[in-house]
Protein backbone atom coordinates (compact mmCIF):
# COMPACT_ATOMS: atom_id res chain seq x y z
CA THR A 1 54.47 35.69 -0.45
CA GLN A 2 53.81 32.58 -2.44
CA GLU A 3 50.17 32.06 -1.56
CA LEU A 4 49.18 31.47 -5.18
CA TRP A 5 49.74 28.19 -6.95
CA VAL A 6 48.42 27.16 -10.35
CA LYS A 7 47.84 23.61 -9.21
CA ASP A 8 46.28 21.70 -12.06
CA SER A 9 44.54 22.02 -15.40
CA TRP A 10 41.33 20.63 -16.87
CA LYS A 11 39.42 20.76 -20.14
CA THR A 12 36.32 22.93 -20.35
CA GLY A 13 33.22 21.92 -22.29
CA ASP A 14 34.41 23.73 -25.40
CA GLY A 15 37.74 21.92 -25.39
CA CYS A 16 39.81 24.80 -23.93
CA VAL A 17 42.29 24.22 -21.12
CA ALA A 18 41.56 26.00 -17.81
CA TYR A 19 43.77 26.20 -14.73
CA ASN A 20 42.90 25.93 -11.04
CA ILE A 21 44.53 28.61 -8.89
CA HIS A 22 44.86 27.58 -5.25
CA VAL A 23 45.49 29.73 -2.21
CA ASN A 24 47.17 27.72 0.52
CA GLY A 25 45.89 24.43 -0.93
CA VAL A 26 42.27 25.54 -1.31
CA LEU A 27 40.73 26.35 -4.69
CA HIS A 28 40.49 30.11 -5.20
CA CYS A 29 39.41 30.32 -8.84
CA ARG A 30 39.49 28.68 -12.26
CA VAL A 31 40.84 30.70 -15.18
CA ARG A 32 41.61 30.11 -18.85
CA TYR A 33 44.92 30.90 -20.48
CA SER A 34 43.19 33.57 -22.59
CA GLU A 35 41.90 35.34 -19.44
CA LEU A 36 45.39 35.40 -17.91
CA LEU A 37 46.82 36.63 -21.22
CA GLY A 38 44.22 39.45 -21.17
CA LEU A 39 45.32 40.37 -17.62
CA HIS A 40 48.97 40.31 -18.72
CA GLU A 41 48.25 42.66 -21.65
CA GLN A 42 46.40 45.09 -19.33
CA ILE A 43 49.26 45.10 -16.81
CA LYS A 44 51.77 45.64 -19.63
CA LYS A 45 49.73 48.55 -20.96
CA GLU A 46 49.46 50.22 -17.57
CA TYR A 47 52.92 49.56 -16.12
CA GLY A 48 55.15 49.03 -19.20
CA SER A 49 56.57 45.81 -20.58
CA ASN A 50 59.94 46.28 -18.83
CA VAL A 51 58.27 45.85 -15.41
CA VAL A 52 56.13 42.81 -16.18
CA PRO A 53 57.52 39.26 -16.02
CA SER A 54 57.52 37.22 -19.23
CA PHE A 55 54.29 35.37 -20.08
CA PRO A 56 54.09 31.85 -21.60
CA PRO A 57 53.75 32.24 -25.39
CA LYS A 58 50.67 31.38 -27.44
CA LYS A 59 50.74 28.10 -29.37
CA ILE A 60 48.98 27.56 -32.70
CA PHE A 61 48.42 23.81 -32.34
CA THR A 62 46.63 21.85 -29.61
CA LEU A 63 48.93 21.37 -26.62
CA THR A 64 50.20 17.92 -25.72
CA PRO A 65 49.79 16.86 -22.05
CA ALA A 66 53.50 17.64 -21.49
CA GLU A 67 53.06 21.12 -22.97
CA VAL A 68 49.96 21.72 -20.82
CA GLU A 69 52.02 20.85 -17.74
CA GLN A 70 54.90 23.09 -18.89
CA ARG A 71 52.46 25.97 -19.41
CA ARG A 72 50.94 25.36 -15.95
CA GLU A 73 54.42 25.70 -14.39
CA GLN A 74 55.14 28.86 -16.38
CA LEU A 75 51.78 30.40 -15.41
CA GLU A 76 52.45 29.57 -11.76
CA LYS A 77 55.83 31.34 -11.90
CA TYR A 78 54.21 34.28 -13.67
CA MET A 79 51.42 34.65 -11.06
CA GLN A 80 53.90 34.41 -8.20
CA ALA A 81 56.28 36.92 -9.82
CA VAL A 82 53.44 39.45 -10.28
CA ARG A 83 52.19 38.81 -6.73
CA GLN A 84 55.63 39.35 -5.26
CA ASP A 85 56.27 42.60 -7.09
CA PRO A 86 55.51 45.45 -4.62
CA VAL A 87 53.75 47.53 -7.31
CA LEU A 88 52.08 44.88 -9.49
CA GLY A 89 51.08 42.65 -6.56
CA ALA A 90 49.26 45.51 -4.86
CA SER A 91 47.69 46.84 -8.07
CA GLU A 92 43.92 47.05 -8.34
CA LEU A 93 44.21 45.46 -11.81
CA PHE A 94 45.72 42.24 -10.46
CA ASN A 95 43.66 42.02 -7.27
CA SER A 96 40.30 42.81 -8.86
CA PHE A 97 41.00 40.15 -11.53
CA LEU A 98 41.50 37.52 -8.80
CA ARG A 99 38.44 38.69 -6.82
CA LYS A 100 36.19 38.60 -9.88
CA ALA A 101 37.52 35.16 -10.85
CA GLN A 102 36.95 33.91 -7.29
CA GLN A 103 33.34 35.08 -7.30
CA GLU A 104 32.61 33.60 -10.74
CA THR A 105 34.27 30.26 -9.92
CA GLN A 106 32.38 29.85 -6.64
CA GLN A 107 29.17 31.01 -8.41
CA ILE A 108 28.13 33.38 -5.64
CA PRO A 109 26.07 36.28 -7.05
CA THR A 110 26.57 39.84 -5.79
CA GLU A 111 23.98 40.46 -3.09
CA GLU A 112 23.73 41.89 0.39
CA VAL A 113 24.51 39.37 3.11
CA GLN A 114 25.24 39.30 6.81
CA LEU A 115 28.74 38.10 7.71
CA GLU A 116 29.66 37.04 11.24
CA VAL A 117 33.12 38.22 12.26
CA TYR A 118 34.44 36.81 15.52
CA LEU A 119 36.42 38.66 18.19
CA SER A 120 39.08 36.87 20.24
CA ASN A 121 36.67 36.30 23.14
CA GLY A 122 34.21 34.41 20.92
CA GLN A 123 31.85 37.39 20.64
CA LYS A 124 30.36 37.81 17.16
CA VAL A 125 29.96 41.04 15.22
CA LYS A 126 27.38 40.86 12.46
CA VAL A 127 28.07 43.17 9.53
CA ASN A 128 25.91 43.80 6.48
CA ILE A 129 28.15 43.61 3.42
CA LEU A 130 28.03 42.65 -0.24
CA THR A 131 29.29 39.20 -1.23
CA SER A 132 31.64 41.09 -3.58
CA ASP A 133 33.21 43.23 -0.81
CA GLN A 134 36.97 42.85 -0.54
CA THR A 135 38.95 42.30 2.67
CA GLU A 136 39.60 46.00 3.32
CA ASP A 137 35.88 46.85 2.91
CA VAL A 138 34.87 44.13 5.37
CA LEU A 139 37.55 45.23 7.88
CA GLU A 140 36.24 48.81 7.69
CA ALA A 141 32.63 47.63 8.12
CA VAL A 142 33.65 45.71 11.28
CA ALA A 143 35.56 48.75 12.63
CA LEU A 144 32.53 50.98 11.98
CA LYS A 145 30.19 48.56 13.75
CA LEU A 146 32.55 48.39 16.75
CA GLY A 147 33.24 52.14 16.81
CA LEU A 148 36.97 51.68 16.22
CA PRO A 149 38.37 55.00 14.90
CA ASP A 150 39.85 55.18 11.39
CA GLU A 151 43.39 55.79 12.58
CA LEU A 152 43.39 52.43 14.42
CA VAL A 153 41.87 50.27 11.66
CA GLY A 154 45.34 49.57 10.21
CA TYR A 155 46.46 48.02 13.51
CA PHE A 156 44.02 45.13 12.96
CA SER A 157 43.50 42.47 10.30
CA LEU A 158 40.99 39.77 9.42
CA PHE A 159 42.19 36.19 9.69
CA LEU A 160 40.65 32.93 8.55
CA VAL A 161 40.70 30.65 11.59
CA ARG A 162 39.75 27.00 11.97
CA GLU A 163 38.09 26.60 15.33
CA GLY A 164 39.54 23.92 17.56
CA SER A 165 40.63 23.78 21.16
CA ASP A 166 43.16 26.52 20.49
CA GLY A 167 41.85 28.11 17.28
CA SER A 168 44.22 27.35 14.43
CA PHE A 169 45.26 30.19 12.10
CA VAL A 170 44.80 29.26 8.49
CA ARG A 171 45.83 32.57 6.95
CA LYS A 172 45.47 36.31 6.96
CA LEU A 173 42.77 37.33 4.49
CA GLN A 174 44.36 39.07 1.51
CA GLU A 175 43.29 41.99 -0.64
CA PHE A 176 42.80 39.71 -3.66
CA GLU A 177 39.97 37.78 -2.01
CA LEU A 178 36.38 38.28 -0.92
CA PRO A 179 36.08 37.22 2.74
CA TYR A 180 32.43 36.13 2.43
CA VAL A 181 33.20 33.94 -0.60
CA SER A 182 36.43 32.58 0.98
CA VAL A 183 34.72 31.41 4.16
CA THR A 184 31.43 30.15 2.65
CA SER A 185 33.10 28.25 -0.23
CA LEU A 186 34.88 26.08 2.37
CA GLN A 187 31.45 24.71 3.39
CA ASN A 188 32.74 23.93 6.86
CA PRO A 189 31.27 25.50 10.03
CA ASP A 190 34.66 25.21 11.79
CA TYR A 191 36.07 28.09 9.73
CA HIS A 192 35.47 31.67 10.89
CA VAL A 193 36.66 35.16 10.05
CA VAL A 194 38.38 36.57 13.16
CA LEU A 195 39.57 40.12 13.97
CA ARG A 196 42.99 40.35 15.66
CA LYS A 197 45.81 42.86 15.94
CA SER A 198 48.25 42.70 13.01
CA TYR A 199 51.52 44.13 14.37
CA TRP A 200 54.29 42.49 16.38
CA ASP A 201 55.97 45.14 18.53
CA SER A 202 54.06 45.46 21.82
CA ALA A 203 55.20 49.11 22.04
CA TYR A 204 52.34 49.87 19.62
CA ASP A 205 49.81 48.50 22.12
CA SER A 206 49.96 51.94 23.79
CA ASP A 207 48.47 53.60 20.67
CA VAL A 208 45.61 51.10 20.63
CA MET A 209 44.98 51.32 24.39
CA GLU A 210 44.36 55.07 24.21
CA ASN A 211 40.99 54.26 22.63
CA ARG A 212 38.24 52.49 24.60
CA VAL A 213 37.29 50.12 21.76
CA GLY A 214 40.95 49.41 20.95
CA LEU A 215 41.62 48.68 24.63
CA ASN A 216 38.68 46.24 24.80
CA LEU A 217 39.82 44.40 21.66
CA LEU A 218 43.39 44.12 22.93
CA TYR A 219 42.20 42.99 26.36
CA ALA A 220 39.93 40.31 24.87
CA GLN A 221 42.79 39.01 22.72
CA THR A 222 45.21 38.94 25.67
CA VAL A 223 42.74 37.03 27.89
CA SER A 224 42.07 34.58 25.04
CA ASP A 225 45.78 33.97 24.38
CA ILE A 226 46.37 33.28 28.09
CA GLU A 227 43.38 30.91 28.31
CA ARG A 228 44.48 28.89 25.29
CA GLY A 229 48.04 28.60 26.66
CA TRP A 230 49.70 30.77 24.03
CA ILE A 231 51.05 33.08 26.77
CA LEU A 232 52.78 31.24 29.63
CA VAL A 233 51.64 32.14 33.15
CA ASN A 234 52.86 30.80 36.53
CA LYS A 235 50.67 30.61 39.64
CA GLU A 236 51.72 33.96 41.10
CA GLN A 237 51.27 35.77 37.76
CA HIS A 238 47.88 34.09 37.37
CA ARG A 239 46.85 35.36 40.80
CA GLN A 240 47.94 38.93 39.94
CA LEU A 241 46.12 38.84 36.58
CA LYS A 242 42.96 37.52 38.25
CA SER A 243 43.10 40.34 40.78
CA LEU A 244 43.47 42.99 38.01
CA GLN A 245 40.62 41.37 36.11
CA GLU A 246 38.33 41.56 39.13
CA LYS A 247 39.17 45.25 39.56
CA GLY A 248 38.44 45.86 35.88
CA SER A 249 41.98 47.23 35.39
CA LYS A 250 42.33 46.33 31.71
CA LYS A 251 45.39 48.48 30.95
CA GLU A 252 47.31 47.13 33.97
CA PHE A 253 46.25 43.59 32.97
CA ILE A 254 47.72 44.08 29.47
CA ARG A 255 50.88 45.73 30.86
CA LEU A 256 51.49 42.75 33.15
CA ALA A 257 50.76 40.33 30.30
CA GLN A 258 53.35 42.15 28.13
CA THR A 259 56.06 40.97 30.55
CA LEU A 260 55.06 37.30 30.20
CA LYS A 261 56.67 34.71 27.96
CA TYR A 262 55.20 34.51 24.42
CA PHE A 263 53.09 37.66 24.72
CA GLY A 264 52.16 38.72 21.17
CA TYR A 265 53.15 35.40 19.58
CA ILE A 266 51.06 33.37 17.14
CA LYS A 267 51.22 29.63 17.80
CA PHE A 268 50.99 27.15 14.92
CA ASP A 269 49.77 23.58 14.77
CA PRO A 270 52.29 20.79 15.56
CA CYS A 271 54.45 20.04 12.50
CA ILE A 272 57.78 18.52 11.40
CA THR A 273 61.28 20.02 11.16
CA ASP A 274 64.73 18.82 10.09
CA PHE A 275 66.41 20.70 12.94
CA PRO A 276 68.40 19.58 14.89
CA GLU A 277 67.80 16.34 12.94
CA LYS A 278 65.36 15.06 10.33
CA GLY A 279 61.81 14.16 11.29
CA CYS A 280 61.63 16.02 14.64
CA HIS A 281 58.16 16.99 15.86
CA VAL A 282 57.99 20.71 16.59
CA ILE A 283 55.60 23.40 17.74
CA VAL A 284 56.48 26.71 16.08
CA SER A 285 55.45 30.13 17.41
CA ALA A 286 56.07 33.48 15.73
CA GLY A 287 56.64 36.70 17.66
CA ASN A 288 59.25 39.09 19.07
CA ASN A 289 61.10 39.04 15.71
CA GLU A 290 61.77 35.32 15.91
CA LEU A 291 60.46 31.84 15.22
CA ASN A 292 60.40 29.86 18.46
CA PHE A 293 60.82 26.06 18.30
CA HIS A 294 59.61 23.54 20.87
CA VAL A 295 61.25 20.41 19.47
CA LYS A 296 60.69 16.80 20.50
CA LEU A 297 63.89 14.89 19.75
CA PRO A 298 63.79 11.19 18.72
CA ASN A 299 64.78 10.23 22.29
CA ASP A 300 61.62 12.07 23.50
CA GLN A 301 63.71 14.84 25.02
CA MET A 302 62.11 18.32 24.66
CA LYS A 303 64.26 21.26 23.58
CA GLU A 304 63.42 24.91 23.05
CA GLY A 305 65.23 27.38 20.83
CA SER A 306 64.69 30.54 18.81
CA PHE A 307 65.64 31.70 15.33
CA LYS A 308 65.95 35.48 15.08
CA VAL A 309 64.53 37.00 11.91
CA THR A 310 67.61 39.29 11.66
CA ARG A 311 69.84 36.23 11.21
CA MET A 312 67.79 34.64 8.41
CA ARG A 313 69.59 35.41 5.16
CA CYS A 314 66.59 34.40 3.06
CA TRP A 315 63.65 32.04 3.09
CA ARG A 316 61.29 30.34 0.65
CA VAL A 317 58.03 28.44 0.60
CA THR A 318 57.75 25.39 -1.65
CA SER A 319 54.79 23.18 -2.43
CA SER A 320 54.26 19.75 -3.91
CA VAL A 321 51.13 17.75 -4.71
CA PRO A 322 51.40 13.99 -4.08
CA MET A 323 51.30 12.20 -7.42
CA ALA A 324 49.69 8.86 -8.19
CA ASN A 325 49.81 7.40 -11.72
CA GLY A 326 51.02 10.75 -13.04
CA THR A 327 48.09 12.75 -11.66
CA ALA A 328 47.59 14.70 -8.46
CA SER A 329 46.28 12.03 -6.12
CA SER A 330 44.49 13.68 -3.27
CA CYS A 331 42.63 16.47 -5.03
CA GLY A 332 38.98 16.50 -4.09
CA PRO A 333 36.44 19.05 -5.24
CA GLY A 334 37.78 22.49 -4.34
CA ARG A 335 40.83 21.39 -2.41
CA CYS A 336 44.19 19.71 -2.88
CA GLU A 337 46.34 18.09 -0.23
CA VAL A 338 49.43 20.18 -0.89
CA LYS A 339 52.63 19.52 1.02
CA LEU A 340 54.05 22.90 2.05
CA GLU A 341 57.52 23.65 3.36
CA LEU A 342 59.13 26.79 4.73
CA ALA A 343 62.93 26.73 4.53
CA PHE A 344 65.16 29.52 5.82
CA GLU A 345 68.92 29.98 5.68
CA TYR A 346 70.19 30.85 9.14
CA LEU A 347 73.46 32.34 10.39
CA MET A 348 74.26 29.75 13.07
CA SER A 349 77.68 31.24 13.83
CA LYS A 350 79.96 33.87 12.33
CA ASP A 351 80.91 31.82 9.28
CA ARG A 352 78.25 29.10 9.15
CA LEU A 353 74.94 29.31 7.33
CA GLN A 354 72.53 26.42 7.59
CA TRP A 355 69.16 25.67 5.99
CA VAL A 356 66.32 24.81 8.40
CA THR A 357 63.10 23.36 6.98
CA ILE A 358 59.61 23.26 8.51
CA THR A 359 56.99 21.03 6.86
CA SER A 360 53.58 22.45 7.74
CA PRO A 361 50.24 23.23 6.06
CA GLN A 362 50.71 26.68 7.66
CA ALA A 363 54.08 27.37 5.96
CA ILE A 364 52.62 30.31 4.02
CA MET A 365 51.20 31.88 7.16
CA MET A 366 54.65 31.50 8.79
CA SER A 367 56.26 33.20 5.78
CA ILE A 368 53.76 36.08 5.93
CA CYS A 369 54.60 36.47 9.64
CA LEU A 370 58.34 36.62 8.85
CA GLN A 371 57.78 39.18 6.09
CA SER A 372 55.62 41.43 8.28
CA MET A 373 58.18 41.23 11.14
CA VAL A 374 60.93 42.32 8.71
CA ASP A 375 58.74 45.13 7.36
CA GLU A 376 58.13 46.40 10.87
CA LEU A 377 61.82 46.17 11.82
CA MET A 378 62.91 48.03 8.71
CA VAL A 379 60.41 50.85 9.17
CA LYS A 380 61.50 51.22 12.79
CA LYS A 381 65.22 51.22 11.91
CA SER A 382 64.70 53.85 9.21
CA GLY A 383 62.74 56.11 11.56
CA GLY A 384 59.50 55.63 9.61
CA SER A 385 56.07 55.84 11.17
CA ILE A 386 54.32 52.63 12.19
CA LYS A 387 50.97 54.37 11.74
CA LYS A 388 51.75 55.16 8.12
CA MET A 389 53.12 51.67 7.60
CA LEU A 390 50.04 49.96 8.95
CA LYS A 391 47.77 52.22 6.98
CA LYS A 392 49.62 51.55 3.76
CA ARG A 393 50.30 47.88 4.39
CA HIS A 394 48.70 45.54 1.92
CA ASN A 395 49.41 41.94 2.85
CA GLY A 396 52.92 42.55 4.05
CA ALA A 397 53.92 44.85 1.18
CA ILE A 398 54.27 48.48 2.15
CA HIS A 399 53.85 51.31 -0.29
CA ARG A 400 55.76 54.36 0.89
CA SER A 401 55.55 57.75 -0.68
CA ASP A 402 57.98 59.43 1.72
CA SER A 403 61.06 60.33 -0.34
CA GLN A 404 63.43 59.92 2.61
CA GLN A 405 62.45 56.24 2.76
CA ALA A 406 63.70 55.27 -0.68
CA VAL A 407 63.13 51.64 -1.55
CA LYS A 408 65.98 49.85 -3.25
CA SER A 409 65.46 46.59 -5.11
CA PRO A 410 67.55 43.81 -3.60
CA PRO A 411 69.75 41.71 -5.88
CA LEU A 412 68.68 38.28 -7.05
CA LEU A 413 69.68 35.66 -4.53
CA ASP A 414 71.65 32.68 -5.65
CA SER A 415 70.53 29.09 -5.08
CA PRO A 416 71.38 27.48 -1.74
CA ASP A 417 75.02 26.48 -1.76
CA PRO A 418 76.28 24.52 1.26
CA SER A 419 79.90 25.35 0.41
CA ARG A 420 79.33 29.10 0.37
CA GLU A 421 82.11 31.03 2.09
CA GLN A 422 82.67 34.54 3.43
CA VAL A 423 79.26 34.78 5.00
CA VAL A 424 79.95 38.11 6.63
CA LYS A 425 80.26 39.77 3.21
CA LEU A 426 76.72 38.64 2.40
CA SER A 427 75.29 40.36 5.39
CA SER A 428 73.94 43.82 4.84
CA LYS A 429 73.91 46.61 7.37
CA LEU A 430 70.67 48.53 7.41
CA THR A 431 71.67 51.09 4.80
CA SER A 432 68.60 50.59 2.66
CA VAL A 433 65.00 49.79 3.29
CA THR A 434 63.48 46.95 1.35
CA LEU A 435 60.03 45.48 1.47
CA ARG A 436 60.24 42.33 -0.57
CA GLY A 437 63.39 40.36 -1.11
CA ILE A 438 62.34 39.19 -4.53
CA SER A 439 63.45 40.47 -7.91
CA THR A 440 61.76 39.32 -11.07
CA SER A 441 63.98 37.06 -13.14
CA SER A 442 65.21 38.45 -16.43
CA SER A 443 64.41 35.27 -18.29
CA SER A 444 61.44 32.94 -18.09
CA ASN A 445 63.78 29.97 -17.64
CA ASP A 446 65.70 31.46 -14.74
CA ILE A 447 63.22 31.10 -11.93
CA SER A 448 65.52 30.58 -8.97
CA GLY A 449 65.31 34.23 -7.94
CA ASN A 450 61.54 34.14 -7.60
CA ASP A 451 61.70 31.37 -5.02
CA PHE A 452 63.47 33.40 -2.36
CA HIS A 453 62.67 36.15 0.07
CA GLY A 454 65.95 37.97 0.63
CA ASN A 455 66.07 39.62 4.01
CA TYR A 456 67.54 43.08 4.38
CA ALA A 457 67.06 42.94 8.12
CA PHE A 458 69.83 40.31 8.01
CA GLU A 459 72.66 42.00 9.88
CA GLY A 460 76.41 41.55 10.00
CA ILE A 461 76.91 39.88 13.36
CA GLY A 462 80.26 39.98 15.14
CA ASP A 463 81.78 37.20 17.23
CA ASP A 464 80.77 38.97 20.43
CA ASP A 465 77.10 38.68 19.51
CA LEU A 466 77.16 34.95 18.90
């Protein structure tokens, strides 16, 4: 997923050019070209030059401002291509480089600290960790403190959440970052690290509920989602839930909640969409293998609709920084106001594909949700084990060793073409399992393929289904 952007460049004291790498609009680290070149050489050595995307060439003379900008764009494409490769993006080489750079940039020395991790009910778990501990280490420390067994750790993830009336999800913490550094470098008490479940299919709740700690975590999350209005409840259902709560029947409470509208969905902040027409205000929720839209039309009429992930042919996240006088205008220390968009191509009817765009600061989080829904669907369709998948999942990329689940690389996707015909031919029955719909471009100039997530859960849909 395109979390990484090389947003801008600046001159260091010794006259070298360094680049600011942002994650979701917030500064992650500053790196020099020479450091990235060193990383590239290491990756090439370990994985072979045929696997690694092309790297911007060295220049003998001092770069002009235009060349600096061109190199920035090339480095951004390079970082995203490596990140999106299932092998390279999950490699310790790549992730440890980004973690080390993050720690050095934020100037936080390695020492033992206490990190507060929040549960859904507002309860805090204090864990003793090192500032240099990665996301997986912190997750395991939290599980150990809570007494959550090893086999259930993969069912949960750490999220960065901005506390408000309904707790806004900023992003899932990735394996290339250090949670302590990520949350403290924001220097804002509204941001917390929160533990929540990280799967979509409520059938897997049964696995978690078999364990007392798992049951308590799931119960706390369900109560919280009902209280904040994420799960819709009518008066009668509310009365039944209250009665189960008073009896202390947590499993029955969760089972009843599973039947309610929007159970297991993540709700995003209000944003803008171009569907059904430009400039509509929308509240997007992700869950049940779909994106749900609550749209306010220009005539103030409210409409609700859903976009199934199986009917999205591909999607992409794009970013832009507002420019003023040729420079990024709203970049303060450590953060840039980046405009993010998620666009997906949707099979509206048997022979009609249409692009739908959401403009939201949480576009990356939405994309990660789509990717993890597809991953889960594909594993289920291929008869794979969810337990193995969750254990091996690293930020939405799954690394399978089982030979019967062979992973085929999807083809490069072409650019959006409104006049495209024969849509049904594009659709792919579930004959192969794929994890990331991105192939690395063969040439450094041809970058269109890197912008798209092709979706192999996209199914051929007959007239009867529409």
